[in-house]
């Protein structure tokens, strides 16, 4: 199964790019906004979907995006196109934070994601993200401080997820900015 490709962009289409590698052109499904950003040499992480009548490659610019995509497609009722739309709806840390916070509005604002699907995503992935290393390795002092300010522990963890700051005060400030949005 293909999971990585480096090559030259030959063509940018609506929702796809064609990338040439070793004389072979690969059509890779990407969101339109991402397809427009690709020029020249690119590196893409891929997920290959094999169906009865076709094979399709879904492209991502980082391994974190691909890993989130894999978690989303593991949920019954979430297909690769919908999962890719969710992945590119916002920054990865923000998408995870919204899922952990149970933000139905954010998920249902993604085209093709209904209320039942959004609820299923939140139910199945909330605990998975809480167990992720970036969440479990969070600064305990920052979480305690946010809880002391009246925020729920899970909201504090969601706001702190993905932050790579060494200073507790900087973490708290950044989390407060996220919580005030």
Protein backbone atom coordinates (compact mmCIF):
# COMPACT_ATOMS: atom_id res chain seq x y z
CA UNK A 1 0.00 0.00 0.00
CA UNK A 2 1.32 3.44 -0.90
CA UNK A 3 1.79 5.82 2.02
CA UNK A 4 4.38 8.36 0.85
CA UNK A 5 5.25 10.06 -2.44
CA UNK A 6 7.78 12.66 -3.43
CA UNK A 7 7.68 14.15 -6.91
CA UNK A 8 6.89 17.04 -9.20
CA UNK A 9 3.41 18.52 -9.63
CA UNK A 10 2.37 18.15 -13.27
CA UNK A 11 -1.20 19.37 -12.97
CA UNK A 12 -3.54 20.92 -10.41
CA UNK A 13 -7.20 20.07 -10.84
CA UNK A 14 -10.36 20.66 -8.87
CA UNK A 15 -9.81 18.49 -5.78
CA UNK A 16 -6.72 16.67 -7.03
CA UNK A 17 -3.13 17.01 -8.16
CA UNK A 18 -1.11 14.85 -10.52
CA UNK A 19 2.38 14.20 -9.18
CA UNK A 20 5.10 12.67 -11.35
CA UNK A 21 7.58 10.29 -9.75
CA UNK A 22 10.04 8.18 -11.78
CA UNK A 23 8.09 8.73 -14.99
CA UNK A 24 4.70 7.77 -13.52
CA UNK A 25 1.90 10.28 -12.81
CA UNK A 26 -0.19 9.72 -9.69
CA UNK A 27 -3.60 11.35 -9.28
CA UNK A 28 -3.95 12.30 -5.61
CA UNK A 29 -7.20 13.57 -4.11
CA UNK A 30 -6.69 16.71 -2.03
CA UNK A 31 -8.93 19.56 -0.92
CA UNK A 32 -9.12 22.31 -3.54
CA UNK A 33 -7.41 24.83 -1.27
CA UNK A 34 -4.47 22.45 -0.79
CA UNK A 35 -4.25 21.56 -4.50
CA UNK A 36 -3.77 25.22 -5.42
CA UNK A 37 -0.83 25.52 -3.01
CA UNK A 38 1.24 22.79 -4.65
CA UNK A 39 3.94 23.80 -7.12
CA UNK A 40 7.18 22.12 -8.18
CA UNK A 41 8.56 19.45 -5.86
CA UNK A 42 6.16 18.11 -3.23
CA UNK A 43 6.16 15.48 -0.53
CA UNK A 44 2.84 13.88 0.31
CA UNK A 45 1.70 11.29 2.82
CA UNK A 46 -0.90 9.02 1.26
CA UNK A 47 -3.78 6.74 2.04
CA UNK A 48 -4.73 4.31 -0.72
CA UNK A 49 -8.34 3.19 -1.04
CA UNK A 50 -8.93 0.11 -3.17
CA UNK A 51 -12.49 -0.54 -4.30
CA UNK A 52 -13.91 -3.07 -6.74
CA UNK A 53 -13.66 -0.76 -9.73
CA UNK A 54 -11.00 1.77 -8.78
CA UNK A 55 -8.04 2.79 -6.66
CA UNK A 56 -7.80 6.24 -5.13
CA UNK A 57 -5.01 8.07 -3.33
CA UNK A 58 -5.79 10.67 -0.65
CA UNK A 59 -2.96 13.13 0.00
CA UNK A 60 -1.83 14.92 3.15
CA UNK A 61 1.03 17.32 3.78
CA UNK A 62 1.98 15.88 7.20
CA UNK A 63 2.00 12.55 8.98
CA UNK A 64 -0.16 14.06 11.76
CA UNK A 65 -2.90 14.80 9.21
CA UNK A 66 -2.68 11.24 7.89
CA UNK A 67 -2.88 9.75 11.38
CA UNK A 68 -5.98 11.83 12.19
CA UNK A 69 -7.47 10.70 8.88
CA UNK A 70 -6.85 7.04 9.82
CA UNK A 71 -8.60 7.54 13.16
CA UNK A 72 -11.58 9.16 11.45
CA UNK A 73 -12.05 6.47 8.79
CA UNK A 74 -11.96 3.79 11.49
CA UNK A 75 -15.37 5.10 12.61
CA UNK A 76 -18.36 3.44 10.98
CA UNK A 77 -20.10 5.89 8.65
CA UNK A 78 -17.08 8.13 8.06
CA UNK A 79 -15.69 7.69 4.57
CA UNK A 80 -12.37 8.87 3.19
CA UNK A 81 -13.75 12.01 1.50
CA UNK A 82 -15.56 13.15 4.65
CA UNK A 83 -12.57 12.33 6.83
CA UNK A 84 -10.28 14.34 4.57
CA UNK A 85 -12.64 17.32 4.76
CA UNK A 86 -12.60 17.13 8.56
CA UNK A 87 -8.79 16.92 8.65
CA UNK A 88 -8.48 20.07 6.54
CA UNK A 89 -11.26 21.99 8.30
CA UNK A 90 -8.70 23.56 10.68
CA UNK A 91 -5.24 22.98 12.14
CA UNK A 92 -4.79 19.44 13.48
CA UNK A 93 -4.55 20.56 17.11
CA UNK A 94 -7.72 22.62 16.69
CA UNK A 95 -9.66 19.74 15.10
CA UNK A 96 -8.62 17.44 17.96
CA UNK A 97 -9.47 20.11 20.55
CA UNK A 98 -12.93 20.59 19.02
CA UNK A 99 -13.57 16.85 19.09
CA UNK A 100 -12.37 16.59 22.70
CA UNK A 101 -14.55 19.55 23.67
CA UNK A 102 -17.58 17.92 22.02
CA UNK A 103 -18.06 20.82 19.59
CA UNK A 104 -20.90 19.54 17.37
CA UNK A 105 -21.24 22.88 15.60
CA UNK A 106 -17.65 22.81 14.36
CA UNK A 107 -17.97 19.27 13.01
CA UNK A 108 -21.38 19.76 11.41
CA UNK A 109 -20.08 22.89 9.65
CA UNK A 110 -17.87 20.58 7.55
CA UNK A 111 -19.71 19.78 4.29
CA UNK A 112 -21.12 16.25 4.36
CA UNK A 113 -20.93 15.77 8.13
CA UNK A 114 -24.32 15.49 9.77
CA UNK A 115 -25.27 15.64 13.42
CA UNK A 116 -25.30 11.86 13.96
CA UNK A 117 -21.91 11.42 12.31
CA UNK A 118 -20.46 14.28 14.35
CA UNK A 119 -21.81 12.75 17.57
CA UNK A 120 -20.32 9.39 16.65
CA UNK A 121 -16.91 10.99 15.95
CA UNK A 122 -16.93 12.79 19.29
CA UNK A 123 -18.05 9.70 21.18
CA UNK A 124 -15.42 7.42 19.65
CA UNK A 125 -12.43 9.77 19.44
CA UNK A 126 -12.71 11.88 22.58
CA UNK A 127 -11.04 9.21 24.72
CA UNK A 128 -8.51 8.32 22.03
CA UNK A 129 -7.21 11.89 21.91
CA UNK A 130 -7.15 12.10 25.69
CA UNK A 131 -4.79 9.10 25.68
CA UNK A 132 -2.52 10.54 22.96
CA UNK A 133 0.98 11.41 24.08
CA UNK A 134 0.63 15.09 23.24
CA UNK A 135 -2.30 15.31 25.64
CA UNK A 136 -1.00 12.98 28.35
CA UNK A 137 2.38 14.74 28.38
CA UNK A 138 0.80 18.12 29.04
CA UNK A 139 2.03 20.38 31.74
CA UNK A 140 0.10 19.34 34.86
CA UNK A 141 0.57 22.75 36.46
CA UNK A 142 -1.06 24.47 33.49
CA UNK A 143 -4.04 22.12 33.66
CA UNK A 144 -4.38 22.69 37.40
CA UNK A 145 -4.20 26.45 36.90
CA UNK A 146 -6.93 26.42 34.25
CA UNK A 147 -9.12 24.17 36.40
CA UNK A 148 -8.53 26.62 39.26
CA UNK A 149 -9.81 29.40 36.99
CA UNK A 150 -13.07 27.51 36.57
CA UNK A 151 -12.54 25.59 33.33
CA UNK A 152 -13.41 21.91 33.07
CA UNK A 153 -10.39 19.59 33.05
CA UNK A 154 -11.18 18.22 29.59
CA UNK A 155 -11.55 21.78 28.19
CA UNK A 156 -8.20 22.70 29.74
CA UNK A 157 -6.57 19.59 28.24
CA UNK A 158 -8.11 20.33 24.83
CA UNK A 159 -6.89 23.94 24.95
CA UNK A 160 -3.38 22.80 25.88
CA UNK A 161 -3.17 19.98 23.33
CA UNK A 162 -0.62 20.54 20.61
CA UNK A 163 1.13 23.38 22.42
CA UNK A 164 4.88 22.97 22.39
CA UNK A 165 5.87 25.60 24.90
CA UNK A 166 8.35 24.99 27.71
CA UNK A 167 7.07 27.68 30.06
CA UNK A 168 3.96 26.98 32.16
CA UNK A 169 2.86 30.62 32.05
CA UNK A 170 3.16 30.71 28.26
CA UNK A 171 1.07 27.52 28.07
CA UNK A 172 -1.61 29.04 30.28
CA UNK A 173 -1.71 32.26 28.23
CA UNK A 174 -1.97 30.33 24.95
CA UNK A 175 -4.70 28.07 26.38
CA UNK A 176 -6.68 31.07 27.65
CA UNK A 177 -6.56 32.59 24.17
CA UNK A 178 -7.91 29.35 22.71
CA UNK A 179 -10.61 29.09 25.36
CA UNK A 180 -11.77 32.66 24.73
CA UNK A 181 -12.38 32.02 21.01
